[in-house]
Amino acid sequence: MQKSTYELRYLPLFYEDLNDKVLYIAVEKQNPKAAADLVDKVEKAILDRLPFAESFEPYKSRFDFFTSGRTKLR
């Protein structure tokens, strides 16, 4: 049995959402260490799951990110 390999890709929306959260924590809550810790924990959680990608249900988006632009799915 051949082992599957996966390519990790982040959607631009992921970066936008994470950046919004990090800025809020670092600036509004005045806690840059907690913001940096959040980034580290999110990255670790994603990378820890990557070798077992088939163990997790695919994210069902309302948008089709594989076409040009955001096309809303039915």
PDB file of N, CA and C in Angstrom:
ATOM      1  N   MET A   1       0.830  -1.180   0.000  1.00  0.00           N
ATOM      2  CA  MET A   1       0.000   0.000   0.000  1.00  0.00           C
ATOM      3  C   MET A   1       0.879   1.249   0.000  1.00  0.00           C
ATOM      4  N   GLN A   2       0.618   2.123  -0.944  1.00  0.00           N
ATOM      5  CA  GLN A   2       1.411   3.339  -1.067  1.00  0.00           C
ATOM      6  C   GLN A   2       0.901   4.398  -0.096  1.00  0.00           C
ATOM      7  N   LYS A   3       1.822   5.057   0.578  1.00  0.00           N
ATOM      8  CA  LYS A   3       1.465   6.110   1.527  1.00  0.00           C
ATOM      9  C   LYS A   3       1.126   7.390   0.768  1.00  0.00           C
ATOM     10  N   SER A   4       0.008   7.999   1.136  1.00  0.00           N
ATOM     11  CA  SER A   4      -0.401   9.247   0.504  1.00  0.00           C
ATOM     12  C   SER A   4       0.428  10.406   1.048  1.00  0.00           C
ATOM     13  N   THR A   5       0.698  11.347   0.188  1.00  0.00           N
ATOM     14  CA  THR A   5       1.368  12.567   0.629  1.00  0.00           C
ATOM     15  C   THR A   5       0.445  13.734   0.306  1.00  0.00           C
ATOM     16  N   TYR A   6       0.559  14.761   1.109  1.00  0.00           N
ATOM     17  CA  TYR A   6      -0.318  15.907   0.954  1.00  0.00           C
ATOM     18  C   TYR A   6       0.507  17.176   0.874  1.00  0.00           C
ATOM     19  N   GLU A   7      -0.019  18.121   0.129  1.00  0.00           N
ATOM     20  CA  GLU A   7       0.592  19.439   0.037  1.00  0.00           C
ATOM     21  C   GLU A   7      -0.255  20.384   0.885  1.00  0.00           C
ATOM     22  N   LEU A   8       0.376  21.068   1.798  1.00  0.00           N
ATOM     23  CA  LEU A   8      -0.328  22.004   2.653  1.00  0.00           C
ATOM     24  C   LEU A   8      -0.413  23.349   1.954  1.00  0.00           C
ATOM     25  N   ARG A   9      -1.638  23.838   1.823  1.00  0.00           N
ATOM     26  CA  ARG A   9      -1.864  25.157   1.234  1.00  0.00           C
ATOM     27  C   ARG A   9      -2.800  25.926   2.154  1.00  0.00           C
ATOM     28  N   TYR A  10      -2.482  27.175   2.386  1.00  0.00           N
ATOM     29  CA  TYR A  10      -3.328  28.038   3.196  1.00  0.00           C
ATOM     30  C   TYR A  10      -4.095  28.972   2.267  1.00  0.00           C
ATOM     31  N   LEU A  11      -5.366  29.100   2.515  1.00  0.00           N
ATOM     32  CA  LEU A  11      -6.161  30.047   1.742  1.00  0.00           C
ATOM     33  C   LEU A  11      -5.875  31.463   2.237  1.00  0.00           C
ATOM     34  N   PRO A  12      -5.975  32.445   1.347  1.00  0.00           N
ATOM     35  CA  PRO A  12      -5.772  33.835   1.775  1.00  0.00           C
ATOM     36  C   PRO A  12      -6.695  34.203   2.946  1.00  0.00           C
ATOM     37  N   LEU A  13      -7.887  33.655   2.962  1.00  0.00           N
ATOM     38  CA  LEU A  13      -8.825  33.930   4.046  1.00  0.00           C
ATOM     39  C   LEU A  13      -8.272  33.472   5.394  1.00  0.00           C
ATOM     40  N   PHE A  14      -7.534  32.378   5.403  1.00  0.00           N
ATOM     41  CA  PHE A  14      -6.915  31.902   6.640  1.00  0.00           C
ATOM     42  C   PHE A  14      -5.950  32.955   7.187  1.00  0.00           C
ATOM     43  N   TYR A  15      -5.090  33.468   6.298  1.00  0.00           N
ATOM     44  CA  TYR A  15      -4.122  34.487   6.717  1.00  0.00           C
ATOM     45  C   TYR A  15      -4.830  35.744   7.222  1.00  0.00           C
ATOM     46  N   GLU A  16      -5.881  36.152   6.521  1.00  0.00           N
ATOM     47  CA  GLU A  16      -6.617  37.345   6.930  1.00  0.00           C
ATOM     48  C   GLU A  16      -7.245  37.153   8.310  1.00  0.00           C
ATOM     49  N   ASP A  17      -7.910  36.017   8.506  1.00  0.00           N
ATOM     50  CA  ASP A  17      -8.565  35.754   9.789  1.00  0.00           C
ATOM     51  C   ASP A  17      -7.558  35.651  10.928  1.00  0.00           C
ATOM     52  N   LEU A  18      -6.479  34.920  10.697  1.00  0.00           N
ATOM     53  CA  LEU A  18      -5.470  34.770  11.737  1.00  0.00           C
ATOM     54  C   LEU A  18      -4.836  36.120  12.063  1.00  0.00           C
ATOM     55  N   ASN A  19      -4.530  36.890  11.046  1.00  0.00           N
ATOM     56  CA  ASN A  19      -3.934  38.207  11.255  1.00  0.00           C
ATOM     57  C   ASN A  19      -4.863  39.107  12.073  1.00  0.00           C
ATOM     58  N   ASP A  20      -6.159  39.072  11.769  1.00  0.00           N
ATOM     59  CA  ASP A  20      -7.126  39.870  12.530  1.00  0.00           C
ATOM     60  C   ASP A  20      -7.111  39.484  14.010  1.00  0.00           C
ATOM     61  N   LYS A  21      -7.083  38.192  14.279  1.00  0.00           N
ATOM     62  CA  LYS A  21      -7.085  37.717  15.668  1.00  0.00           C
ATOM     63  C   LYS A  21      -5.793  38.108  16.385  1.00  0.00           C
ATOM     64  N   VAL A  22      -4.678  37.933  15.692  1.00  0.00           N
ATOM     65  CA  VAL A  22      -3.373  38.240  16.287  1.00  0.00           C
ATOM     66  C   VAL A  22      -3.256  39.734  16.583  1.00  0.00           C
ATOM     67  N   LEU A  23      -3.676  40.565  15.652  1.00  0.00           N
ATOM     68  CA  LEU A  23      -3.627  42.011  15.889  1.00  0.00           C
ATOM     69  C   LEU A  23      -4.531  42.417  17.049  1.00  0.00           C
ATOM     70  N   TYR A  24      -5.706  41.830  17.126  1.00  0.00           N
ATOM     71  CA  TYR A  24      -6.623  42.140  18.220  1.00  0.00           C
ATOM     72  C   TYR A  24      -5.984  41.803  19.570  1.00  0.00           C
ATOM     73  N   ILE A  25      -5.415  40.618  19.657  1.00  0.00           N
ATOM     74  CA  ILE A  25      -4.806  40.190  20.921  1.00  0.00           C
ATOM     75  C   ILE A  25      -3.582  41.053  21.247  1.00  0.00           C
ATOM     76  N   ALA A  26      -2.740  41.282  20.250  1.00  0.00           N
ATOM     77  CA  ALA A  26      -1.494  42.022  20.494  1.00  0.00           C
ATOM     78  C   ALA A  26      -1.731  43.496  20.780  1.00  0.00           C
ATOM     79  N   VAL A  27      -2.654  44.118  20.043  1.00  0.00           N
ATOM     80  CA  VAL A  27      -2.839  45.565  20.151  1.00  0.00           C
ATOM     81  C   VAL A  27      -3.968  45.921  21.116  1.00  0.00           C
ATOM     82  N   GLU A  28      -5.166  45.415  20.825  1.00  0.00           N
ATOM     83  CA  GLU A  28      -6.322  45.790  21.648  1.00  0.00           C
ATOM     84  C   GLU A  28      -6.202  45.249  23.075  1.00  0.00           C
ATOM     85  N   LYS A  29      -5.770  44.027  23.203  1.00  0.00           N
ATOM     86  CA  LYS A  29      -5.621  43.412  24.523  1.00  0.00           C
ATOM     87  C   LYS A  29      -4.222  43.641  25.109  1.00  0.00           C
ATOM     88  N   GLN A  30      -3.364  44.268  24.312  1.00  0.00           N
ATOM     89  CA  GLN A  30      -2.002  44.594  24.737  1.00  0.00           C
ATOM     90  C   GLN A  30      -1.252  43.378  25.283  1.00  0.00           C
ATOM     91  N   ASN A  31      -1.325  42.294  24.504  1.00  0.00           N
ATOM     92  CA  ASN A  31      -0.676  41.057  24.939  1.00  0.00           C
ATOM     93  C   ASN A  31       0.024  40.396  23.741  1.00  0.00           C
ATOM     94  N   PRO A  32       1.146  40.967  23.292  1.00  0.00           N
ATOM     95  CA  PRO A  32       1.840  40.414  22.121  1.00  0.00           C
ATOM     96  C   PRO A  32       2.347  38.989  22.332  1.00  0.00           C
ATOM     97  N   LYS A  33       2.690  38.632  23.561  1.00  0.00           N
ATOM     98  CA  LYS A  33       3.156  37.260  23.815  1.00  0.00           C
ATOM     99  C   LYS A  33       2.032  36.259  23.564  1.00  0.00           C
ATOM    100  N   ALA A  34       0.828  36.570  24.017  1.00  0.00           N
ATOM    101  CA  ALA A  34      -0.311  35.681  23.785  1.00  0.00           C
ATOM    102  C   ALA A  34      -0.609  35.572  22.291  1.00  0.00           C
ATOM    103  N   ALA A  35      -0.453  36.668  21.557  1.00  0.00           N
ATOM    104  CA  ALA A  35      -0.676  36.650  20.108  1.00  0.00           C
ATOM    105  C   ALA A  35       0.347  35.738  19.422  1.00  0.00           C
ATOM    106  N   ALA A  36       1.600  35.856  19.815  1.00  0.00           N
ATOM    107  CA  ALA A  36       2.647  35.001  19.242  1.00  0.00           C
ATOM    108  C   ALA A  36       2.422  33.543  19.622  1.00  0.00           C
ATOM    109  N   ASP A  37       1.997  33.303  20.852  1.00  0.00           N
ATOM    110  CA  ASP A  37       1.701  31.931  21.288  1.00  0.00           C
ATOM    111  C   ASP A  37       0.563  31.335  20.476  1.00  0.00           C
ATOM    112  N   LEU A  38      -0.448  32.149  20.161  1.00  0.00           N
ATOM    113  CA  LEU A  38      -1.560  31.672  19.348  1.00  0.00           C
ATOM    114  C   LEU A  38      -1.077  31.201  17.983  1.00  0.00           C
ATOM    115  N   VAL A  39      -0.229  31.999  17.341  1.00  0.00           N
ATOM    116  CA  VAL A  39       0.315  31.634  16.028  1.00  0.00           C
ATOM    117  C   VAL A  39       1.086  30.315  16.133  1.00  0.00           C
ATOM    118  N   ASP A  40       1.912  30.185  17.152  1.00  0.00           N
ATOM    119  CA  ASP A  40       2.689  28.950  17.335  1.00  0.00           C
ATOM    120  C   ASP A  40       1.782  27.742  17.528  1.00  0.00           C
ATOM    121  N   LYS A  41       0.736  27.896  18.328  1.00  0.00           N
ATOM    122  CA  LYS A  41      -0.169  26.770  18.603  1.00  0.00           C
ATOM    123  C   LYS A  41      -0.994  26.389  17.380  1.00  0.00           C
ATOM    124  N   VAL A  42      -1.435  27.378  16.629  1.00  0.00           N
ATOM    125  CA  VAL A  42      -2.201  27.096  15.409  1.00  0.00           C
ATOM    126  C   VAL A  42      -1.311  26.363  14.407  1.00  0.00           C
ATOM    127  N   GLU A  43      -0.095  26.860  14.213  1.00  0.00           N
ATOM    128  CA  GLU A  43       0.825  26.226  13.275  1.00  0.00           C
ATOM    129  C   GLU A  43       1.143  24.785  13.703  1.00  0.00           C
ATOM    130  N   LYS A  44       1.389  24.582  14.981  1.00  0.00           N
ATOM    131  CA  LYS A  44       1.695  23.247  15.476  1.00  0.00           C
ATOM    132  C   LYS A  44       0.511  22.296  15.276  1.00  0.00           C
ATOM    133  N   ALA A  45      -0.695  22.769  15.565  1.00  0.00           N
ATOM    134  CA  ALA A  45      -1.884  21.929  15.399  1.00  0.00           C
ATOM    135  C   ALA A  45      -2.065  21.514  13.940  1.00  0.00           C
ATOM    136  N   ILE A  46      -1.838  22.437  13.034  1.00  0.00           N
ATOM    137  CA  ILE A  46      -1.976  22.128  11.600  1.00  0.00           C
ATOM    138  C   ILE A  46      -0.912  21.128  11.169  1.00  0.00           C
ATOM    139  N   LEU A  47       0.335  21.379  11.529  1.00  0.00           N
ATOM    140  CA  LEU A  47       1.429  20.503  11.101  1.00  0.00           C
ATOM    141  C   LEU A  47       1.344  19.122  11.753  1.00  0.00           C
ATOM    142  N   ASP A  48       0.856  19.048  12.989  1.00  0.00           N
ATOM    143  CA  ASP A  48       0.690  17.756  13.656  1.00  0.00           C
ATOM    144  C   ASP A  48      -0.349  16.883  12.956  1.00  0.00           C
ATOM    145  N   ARG A  49      -1.347  17.509  12.356  1.00  0.00           N
ATOM    146  CA  ARG A  49      -2.416  16.759  11.688  1.00  0.00           C
ATOM    147  C   ARG A  49      -2.099  16.421  10.237  1.00  0.00           C
ATOM    148  N   LEU A  50      -1.141  17.098   9.654  1.00  0.00           N
ATOM    149  CA  LEU A  50      -0.844  16.913   8.232  1.00  0.00           C
ATOM    150  C   LEU A  50      -0.552  15.461   7.855  1.00  0.00           C
ATOM    151  N   PRO A  51       0.247  14.708   8.621  1.00  0.00           N
ATOM    152  CA  PRO A  51       0.504  13.317   8.223  1.00  0.00           C
ATOM    153  C   PRO A  51      -0.734  12.420   8.295  1.00  0.00           C
ATOM    154  N   PHE A  52      -1.768  12.884   8.972  1.00  0.00           N
ATOM    155  CA  PHE A  52      -2.979  12.085   9.140  1.00  0.00           C
ATOM    156  C   PHE A  52      -4.186  12.791   8.526  1.00  0.00           C
ATOM    157  N   ALA A  53      -3.964  13.442   7.411  1.00  0.00           N
ATOM    158  CA  ALA A  53      -5.002  14.268   6.794  1.00  0.00           C
ATOM    159  C   ALA A  53      -6.286  13.495   6.512  1.00  0.00           C
ATOM    160  N   GLU A  54      -6.184  12.223   6.190  1.00  0.00           N
ATOM    161  CA  GLU A  54      -7.374  11.432   5.876  1.00  0.00           C
ATOM    162  C   GLU A  54      -8.206  11.122   7.120  1.00  0.00           C
ATOM    163  N   SER A  55      -7.659  11.359   8.286  1.00  0.00           N
ATOM    164  CA  SER A  55      -8.379  11.100   9.532  1.00  0.00           C
ATOM    165  C   SER A  55      -9.357  12.217   9.881  1.00  0.00           C
ATOM    166  N   PHE A  56      -9.302  13.317   9.162  1.00  0.00           N
ATOM    167  CA  PHE A  56     -10.125  14.474   9.469  1.00  0.00           C
ATOM    168  C   PHE A  56     -11.074  14.753   8.316  1.00  0.00           C
ATOM    169  N   GLU A  57     -12.281  15.139   8.672  1.00  0.00           N
ATOM    170  CA  GLU A  57     -13.284  15.429   7.658  1.00  0.00           C
ATOM    171  C   GLU A  57     -12.883  16.680   6.876  1.00  0.00           C
ATOM    172  N   PRO A  58     -13.018  16.645   5.547  1.00  0.00           N
ATOM    173  CA  PRO A  58     -12.690  17.833   4.754  1.00  0.00           C
ATOM    174  C   PRO A  58     -13.597  18.999   5.131  1.00  0.00           C
ATOM    175  N   TYR A  59     -13.054  20.184   5.070  1.00  0.00           N
ATOM    176  CA  TYR A  59     -13.831  21.383   5.357  1.00  0.00           C
ATOM    177  C   TYR A  59     -14.800  21.631   4.212  1.00  0.00           C
ATOM    178  N   LYS A  60     -16.051  21.783   4.546  1.00  0.00           N
ATOM    179  CA  LYS A  60     -17.074  22.035   3.528  1.00  0.00           C
ATOM    180  C   LYS A  60     -17.331  23.535   3.449  1.00  0.00           C
ATOM    181  N   SER A  61     -16.707  24.148   2.485  1.00  0.00           N
ATOM    182  CA  SER A  61     -16.815  25.587   2.318  1.00  0.00           C
ATOM    183  C   SER A  61     -18.065  25.939   1.529  1.00  0.00           C
ATOM    184  N   ARG A  62     -18.576  27.136   1.783  1.00  0.00           N
ATOM    185  CA  ARG A  62     -19.683  27.649   0.971  1.00  0.00           C
ATOM    186  C   ARG A  62     -19.165  28.234  -0.328  1.00  0.00           C
ATOM    187  N   PHE A  63     -17.842  28.319  -0.461  1.00  0.00           N
ATOM    188  CA  PHE A  63     -17.238  28.923  -1.638  1.00  0.00           C
ATOM    189  C   PHE A  63     -16.346  27.917  -2.351  1.00  0.00           C
ATOM    190  N   ASP A  64     -16.255  28.064  -3.655  1.00  0.00           N
ATOM    191  CA  ASP A  64     -15.361  27.229  -4.453  1.00  0.00           C
ATOM    192  C   ASP A  64     -14.083  28.030  -4.679  1.00  0.00           C
ATOM    193  N   PHE A  65     -13.041  27.684  -3.909  1.00  0.00           N
ATOM    194  CA  PHE A  65     -11.780  28.425  -3.992  1.00  0.00           C
ATOM    195  C   PHE A  65     -10.896  27.926  -5.133  1.00  0.00           C
ATOM    196  N   PHE A  66     -11.351  26.913  -5.865  1.00  0.00           N
ATOM    197  CA  PHE A  66     -10.515  26.348  -6.908  1.00  0.00           C
ATOM    198  C   PHE A  66     -10.846  26.909  -8.274  1.00  0.00           C
ATOM    199  N   THR A  67     -11.762  27.838  -8.320  1.00  0.00           N
ATOM    200  CA  THR A  67     -12.019  28.567  -9.554  1.00  0.00           C
ATOM    201  C   THR A  67     -11.514  29.982  -9.336  1.00  0.00           C
ATOM    202  N   SER A  68     -11.498  30.764 -10.367  1.00  0.00           N
ATOM    203  CA  SER A  68     -11.018  32.139 -10.169  1.00  0.00           C
ATOM    204  C   SER A  68     -12.062  32.924  -9.379  1.00  0.00           C
ATOM    205  N   GLY A  69     -11.609  33.542  -8.330  1.00  0.00           N
ATOM    206  CA  GLY A  69     -12.515  34.306  -7.487  1.00  0.00           C
ATOM    207  C   GLY A  69     -13.305  33.403  -6.565  1.00  0.00           C
ATOM    208  N   ARG A  70     -14.158  33.994  -5.775  1.00  0.00           N
ATOM    209  CA  ARG A  70     -14.978  33.231  -4.854  1.00  0.00           C
ATOM    210  C   ARG A  70     -16.337  32.978  -5.500  1.00  0.00           C
ATOM    211  N   THR A  71     -16.620  31.751  -5.815  1.00  0.00           N
ATOM    212  CA  THR A  71     -17.894  31.372  -6.385  1.00  0.00           C
ATOM    213  C   THR A  71     -18.690  30.657  -5.322  1.00  0.00           C
ATOM    214  N   LYS A  72     -19.830  31.159  -4.963  1.00  0.00           N
ATOM    215  CA  LYS A  72     -20.631  30.549  -3.918  1.00  0.00           C
ATOM    216  C   LYS A  72     -21.215  29.232  -4.429  1.00  0.00           C
ATOM    217  N   LEU A  73     -21.073  28.187  -3.623  1.00  0.00           N
ATOM    218  CA  LEU A  73     -21.624  26.888  -3.969  1.00  0.00           C
ATOM    219  C   LEU A  73     -23.062  26.806  -3.485  1.00  0.00           C
ATOM    220  N   ARG A  74     -23.835  25.936  -4.103  1.00  0.00           N
ATOM    221  CA  ARG A  74     -25.235  25.774  -3.685  1.00  0.00           C
ATOM    222  C   ARG A  74     -25.344  24.841  -2.534  1.00  0.00           C
TER     223      ARG A  74
END
